[in-house]
N, C-alpha and C. Protein backbone atom coordinates (compact mmCIF):
# COMPACT_ATOMS: atom_id res chain seq x y z
N MET A 1 9.24 23.18 0.57
CA MET A 1 8.42 23.04 -0.51
C MET A 1 7.29 22.09 0.01
N ASN A 2 5.81 22.35 -0.66
CA ASN A 2 4.68 21.71 -0.32
C ASN A 2 4.11 20.71 -2.06
N MET A 3 4.36 19.48 -0.88
CA MET A 3 3.55 18.88 -1.96
C MET A 3 1.67 17.79 -1.68
N PHE A 4 1.47 17.94 -2.70
CA PHE A 4 -0.56 17.32 -2.24
C PHE A 4 -0.22 16.27 -3.24
N VAL A 5 -0.23 14.87 -2.84
CA VAL A 5 -0.72 13.97 -3.84
C VAL A 5 -1.96 13.71 -3.95
N LEU A 6 -2.56 12.71 -4.67
CA LEU A 6 -3.76 12.00 -4.62
C LEU A 6 -3.70 10.86 -5.61
N LEU A 7 -4.50 10.01 -4.48
CA LEU A 7 -3.82 8.11 -5.13
C LEU A 7 -5.58 8.17 -4.82
N ILE A 8 -5.57 7.67 -6.30
CA ILE A 8 -7.06 7.31 -6.14
C ILE A 8 -7.08 6.26 -6.93
N PRO A 9 -7.95 5.86 -4.83
CA PRO A 9 -8.26 4.17 -5.62
C PRO A 9 -8.71 3.20 -7.36
N CYS A 10 -7.39 2.48 -7.60
CA CYS A 10 -8.34 1.34 -8.48
C CYS A 10 -9.17 0.18 -8.49
N SER A 11 -10.44 0.10 -9.06
CA SER A 11 -11.16 -1.19 -8.57
C SER A 11 -11.73 -2.27 -9.29
N LEU A 12 -10.95 -2.41 -9.99
CA LEU A 12 -11.05 -3.35 -12.01
C LEU A 12 -10.44 -4.40 -11.08
N ASN A 13 -10.12 -4.60 -10.18
CA ASN A 13 -10.29 -5.95 -9.49
C ASN A 13 -10.36 -6.40 -9.15
N LEU A 14 -11.86 -6.38 -8.38
CA LEU A 14 -12.40 -6.22 -7.55
C LEU A 14 -14.23 -7.24 -7.63
N GLN A 15 -15.21 -7.01 -6.13
CA GLN A 15 -16.33 -7.81 -6.68
C GLN A 15 -16.91 -7.48 -8.23
N LYS A 16 -17.56 -8.06 -9.00
CA LYS A 16 -18.53 -7.45 -9.86
C LYS A 16 -19.55 -6.60 -9.34
N ASP A 17 -20.08 -7.23 -8.26
CA ASP A 17 -21.62 -7.26 -7.90
C ASP A 17 -21.67 -6.26 -7.93
N VAL A 18 -21.00 -5.15 -7.02
CA VAL A 18 -20.84 -3.86 -6.09
C VAL A 18 -20.58 -2.52 -6.85
N GLU A 19 -21.50 -1.47 -6.24
CA GLU A 19 -21.43 -0.61 -7.11
C GLU A 19 -19.83 0.24 -7.32
N GLU A 20 -19.51 1.00 -8.05
CA GLU A 20 -18.28 1.42 -7.77
C GLU A 20 -18.12 2.11 -6.96
N GLU A 21 -18.92 3.06 -6.44
CA GLU A 21 -18.98 4.39 -5.86
C GLU A 21 -18.24 3.21 -4.21
N GLU A 22 -19.01 2.01 -3.70
CA GLU A 22 -18.84 1.02 -3.11
C GLU A 22 -17.37 0.97 -2.84
N LYS A 23 -16.68 0.51 -4.33
CA LYS A 23 -15.63 -0.52 -3.94
C LYS A 23 -14.40 0.32 -3.71
N VAL A 24 -14.28 2.24 -3.90
CA VAL A 24 -13.42 2.58 -4.05
C VAL A 24 -13.67 2.81 -2.42
N PHE A 25 -14.60 3.15 -2.22
CA PHE A 25 -14.75 3.63 -0.05
C PHE A 25 -14.50 2.75 0.15
N HIS A 26 -14.12 1.31 0.47
CA HIS A 26 -13.63 0.51 0.92
C HIS A 26 -12.50 -0.05 0.51
N LEU A 27 -12.04 0.25 -0.92
CA LEU A 27 -10.39 0.46 -0.78
C LEU A 27 -9.14 1.54 -0.01
N CYS A 28 -10.58 2.00 0.32
CA CYS A 28 -10.00 3.24 1.47
C CYS A 28 -9.62 2.65 2.90
N TYR A 29 -9.94 1.42 3.10
CA TYR A 29 -9.94 1.59 4.52
C TYR A 29 -9.63 -0.19 5.07
N HIS A 30 -8.64 -1.01 3.47
CA HIS A 30 -7.51 -2.12 3.46
C HIS A 30 -7.06 -2.10 4.60
N SER A 31 -6.56 -2.84 4.91
CA SER A 31 -5.62 -2.73 6.49
C SER A 31 -3.80 -2.68 5.97
N GLU A 32 -3.71 -2.80 5.18
CA GLU A 32 -2.18 -2.42 4.97
C GLU A 32 -2.45 -1.09 4.70
N LYS A 33 -3.06 -0.38 4.30
CA LYS A 33 -3.22 1.30 3.92
C LYS A 33 -2.77 1.36 5.57
N LEU A 34 -4.66 1.33 6.80
CA LEU A 34 -4.14 2.21 7.54
C LEU A 34 -3.08 1.67 8.50
N THR A 35 -2.27 0.00 8.58
CA THR A 35 -0.96 0.15 9.17
C THR A 35 0.28 1.12 8.98
N ILE A 36 0.14 0.98 7.23
CA ILE A 36 1.04 2.27 6.83
C ILE A 36 1.35 3.74 7.25
N SER A 37 -0.70 4.04 7.16
CA SER A 37 0.07 5.54 8.09
C SER A 37 -0.57 5.41 9.10
N PHE A 38 0.00 4.44 10.73
CA PHE A 38 -0.20 4.62 11.96
C PHE A 38 1.00 5.12 11.31
N GLY A 39 1.19 3.03 11.33
CA GLY A 39 3.51 3.67 11.58
C GLY A 39 3.57 4.90 10.75
N LEU A 40 3.61 5.35 10.02
CA LEU A 40 3.91 6.86 9.80
C LEU A 40 4.47 7.60 11.29
N ILE A 41 3.10 7.99 11.66
CA ILE A 41 2.55 9.06 12.55
C ILE A 41 3.40 8.88 13.72
N SER A 42 3.48 7.41 13.93
CA SER A 42 4.32 6.20 15.26
C SER A 42 4.98 6.33 15.11
N THR A 43 6.13 6.02 13.92
CA THR A 43 7.68 6.06 13.84
C THR A 43 8.36 6.78 13.10
N PRO A 44 10.09 7.02 13.92
CA PRO A 44 10.63 8.21 13.99
C PRO A 44 10.86 7.61 12.18
N PRO A 45 11.18 9.13 11.63
CA PRO A 45 11.56 9.03 9.50
C PRO A 45 12.58 8.29 9.37
N GLY A 46 12.67 8.02 8.23
CA GLY A 46 13.96 6.56 8.39
C GLY A 46 14.11 4.91 7.93
N MET A 47 12.29 5.08 9.16
CA MET A 47 13.22 3.82 10.23
C MET A 47 11.98 3.31 8.92
N PRO A 48 12.31 2.11 8.90
CA PRO A 48 11.73 1.14 7.91
C PRO A 48 10.30 -0.11 8.34
N LEU A 49 9.30 0.25 7.35
CA LEU A 49 7.69 -0.36 8.56
C LEU A 49 7.39 -2.02 7.53
N CYS A 50 7.30 -2.05 9.25
CA CYS A 50 7.48 -3.91 8.76
C CYS A 50 5.67 -4.00 8.96
N ILE A 51 4.86 -4.88 7.41
CA ILE A 51 3.45 -5.71 7.50
C ILE A 51 3.39 -6.77 8.02
N ILE A 52 2.80 -7.44 8.46
CA ILE A 52 2.95 -9.02 8.39
C ILE A 52 1.28 -8.91 8.01
N LYS A 53 0.37 -9.87 6.54
CA LYS A 53 -0.87 -9.85 6.30
C LYS A 53 -0.64 -11.39 6.44
N ASN A 54 -2.01 -11.79 6.70
CA ASN A 54 -2.63 -13.49 6.36
C ASN A 54 -3.37 -13.18 5.55
N LEU A 55 -3.22 -12.67 4.32
CA LEU A 55 -4.21 -12.67 2.81
C LEU A 55 -3.52 -11.92 2.12
N TRP A 56 -3.51 -12.03 0.83
CA TRP A 56 -2.95 -11.50 -0.27
C TRP A 56 -3.34 -9.81 -0.37
N VAL A 57 -2.47 -8.73 -1.38
CA VAL A 57 -1.60 -8.27 -1.25
C VAL A 57 -3.06 -7.14 -2.58
N CYS A 58 -3.06 -7.10 -2.59
CA CYS A 58 -4.16 -6.30 -4.20
C CYS A 58 -3.70 -5.23 -4.35
N GLY A 59 -3.47 -4.97 -6.19
CA GLY A 59 -3.21 -4.45 -6.82
C GLY A 59 -2.67 -3.10 -6.17
N ASP A 60 -4.81 -2.21 -6.09
CA ASP A 60 -4.24 -1.03 -5.51
C ASP A 60 -3.82 -0.48 -4.42
N CYS A 61 -3.40 -1.75 -3.40
CA CYS A 61 -2.63 -1.82 -2.30
C CYS A 61 -1.15 -1.94 -3.09
N HIS A 62 -1.01 -2.90 -3.65
CA HIS A 62 0.42 -3.05 -4.00
C HIS A 62 1.22 -1.66 -4.48
N THR A 63 0.20 -0.61 -5.80
CA THR A 63 0.71 0.91 -5.93
C THR A 63 0.70 1.90 -5.03
N SER A 64 -0.09 1.73 -4.18
CA SER A 64 -0.44 2.31 -2.76
C SER A 64 0.86 2.11 -2.27
N MET A 65 1.44 1.36 -1.53
CA MET A 65 2.67 1.36 -1.12
C MET A 65 4.22 1.91 -2.12
N LYS A 66 3.84 1.14 -3.29
CA LYS A 66 5.31 1.58 -4.14
C LYS A 66 4.75 3.23 -4.57
N ILE A 67 4.47 3.63 -4.08
CA ILE A 67 3.93 5.89 -4.20
C ILE A 67 4.21 5.59 -2.95
N ILE A 68 3.60 5.62 -1.36
CA ILE A 68 4.23 6.00 -0.96
C ILE A 68 5.78 6.07 -0.32
N ALA A 69 6.26 4.72 -0.79
CA ALA A 69 7.30 4.30 -0.23
C ALA A 69 8.59 5.93 -1.03
N LYS A 70 7.62 6.58 -2.14
CA LYS A 70 8.62 6.82 -2.92
C LYS A 70 9.32 8.30 -1.92
N ILE A 71 7.15 8.55 -1.94
CA ILE A 71 6.89 10.38 -0.87
C ILE A 71 8.30 10.23 0.50
N VAL A 72 7.84 9.19 0.94
CA VAL A 72 7.90 9.33 2.85
C VAL A 72 9.53 8.97 2.70
N GLY A 73 10.71 8.61 1.42
CA GLY A 73 11.32 8.29 1.98
C GLY A 73 12.21 6.77 2.66
N ARG A 74 11.05 6.21 2.57
CA ARG A 74 10.80 4.97 3.46
C ARG A 74 11.19 3.88 2.89
N GLU A 75 11.97 2.52 3.07
CA GLU A 75 11.70 0.64 3.11
C GLU A 75 10.37 0.71 2.96
N ILE A 76 9.13 -0.04 2.85
CA ILE A 76 7.55 -0.42 3.31
C ILE A 76 8.20 -2.06 3.45
N ILE A 77 7.98 -3.13 4.44
CA ILE A 77 9.23 -4.89 4.21
C ILE A 77 7.07 -5.01 3.88
N VAL A 78 6.59 -5.39 3.59
CA VAL A 78 4.64 -6.52 3.48
C VAL A 78 5.41 -7.69 2.64
N ARG A 79 4.70 -8.88 3.95
CA ARG A 79 4.59 -9.65 3.35
C ARG A 79 3.27 -10.69 4.04
N ASP A 80 3.06 -10.88 2.16
CA ASP A 80 1.43 -11.67 2.85
C ASP A 80 1.82 -13.26 2.91
N VAL A 81 0.02 -13.85 1.93
CA VAL A 81 0.06 -14.73 2.53
C VAL A 81 1.16 -15.46 1.30
N ASN A 82 1.53 -15.08 0.40
CA ASN A 82 2.45 -15.62 -0.61
C ASN A 82 3.88 -15.20 -0.95
N CYS A 83 4.16 -13.72 -0.25
CA CYS A 83 5.54 -14.27 -0.22
C CYS A 83 5.60 -12.54 0.84
N VAL A 84 6.90 -12.08 -0.19
CA VAL A 84 8.06 -10.97 0.29
C VAL A 84 7.71 -9.42 -0.12
N HIS A 85 7.26 -8.17 0.29
CA HIS A 85 8.04 -7.53 -0.86
C HIS A 85 8.42 -6.11 -0.24
N HIS A 86 9.58 -5.59 -1.00
CA HIS A 86 10.58 -4.38 -0.13
C HIS A 86 10.05 -3.56 -1.55
N PHE A 87 8.88 -2.39 -1.07
CA PHE A 87 9.18 -0.95 -1.95
C PHE A 87 9.96 -0.40 -0.93
N LYS A 88 10.85 -0.11 -1.91
CA LYS A 88 11.61 1.38 -1.92
C LYS A 88 12.41 2.11 -2.92
N ASP A 89 12.01 3.37 -2.59
CA ASP A 89 12.56 4.77 -3.54
C ASP A 89 10.92 3.98 -4.63
N GLY A 90 10.03 3.78 -3.95
CA GLY A 90 8.86 3.88 -6.05
C GLY A 90 8.88 2.25 -6.49
N LEU A 91 9.87 1.45 -6.73
CA LEU A 91 9.88 -0.75 -6.95
C LEU A 91 9.74 -0.67 -5.09
N CYS A 92 9.02 -1.77 -6.70
CA CYS A 92 8.93 -3.22 -5.55
C CYS A 92 9.90 -3.89 -5.78
N SER A 93 10.58 -5.25 -4.88
CA SER A 93 11.75 -6.23 -5.54
C SER A 93 11.29 -7.59 -5.98
N ARG A 94 9.82 -7.21 -6.53
CA ARG A 94 9.85 -9.00 -6.57
C ARG A 94 8.80 -8.50 -8.24
N ARG A 95 8.97 -7.35 -8.50
CA ARG A 95 9.32 -5.91 -9.86
C ARG A 95 7.52 -5.43 -10.15
N ASP A 96 6.50 -5.76 -8.89
CA ASP A 96 5.13 -5.45 -9.29
C ASP A 96 4.48 -7.31 -9.62
N TYR A 97 5.18 -8.86 -8.99
CA TYR A 97 4.65 -10.29 -9.46
C TYR A 97 4.20 -10.35 -8.23
N TRP A 98 3.14 -10.77 -8.02
CA TRP A 98 2.73 -10.77 -6.82
C TRP A 98 1.54 -11.79 -6.65
């Protein structure tokens, strides 16, 4: 079965003084999204991914990680400056509180 998923970046919580197109462009290159992409292509299927950040995770990345965890069937563990999130089966262990 072929599946195509389109993740549309949500720029609601970003800087107000930047054009919408620029906000969306920058959301695509957040470090945690790039790290997940690299982890998915460089680790065996089914292996959990663990990401450690020194900043907080934005809402768009949080939502993206839930969706990615559901699609690829992997657990994604993210530790940011405030807490640890476990994303599995499309859910966050912190019940979307961050």
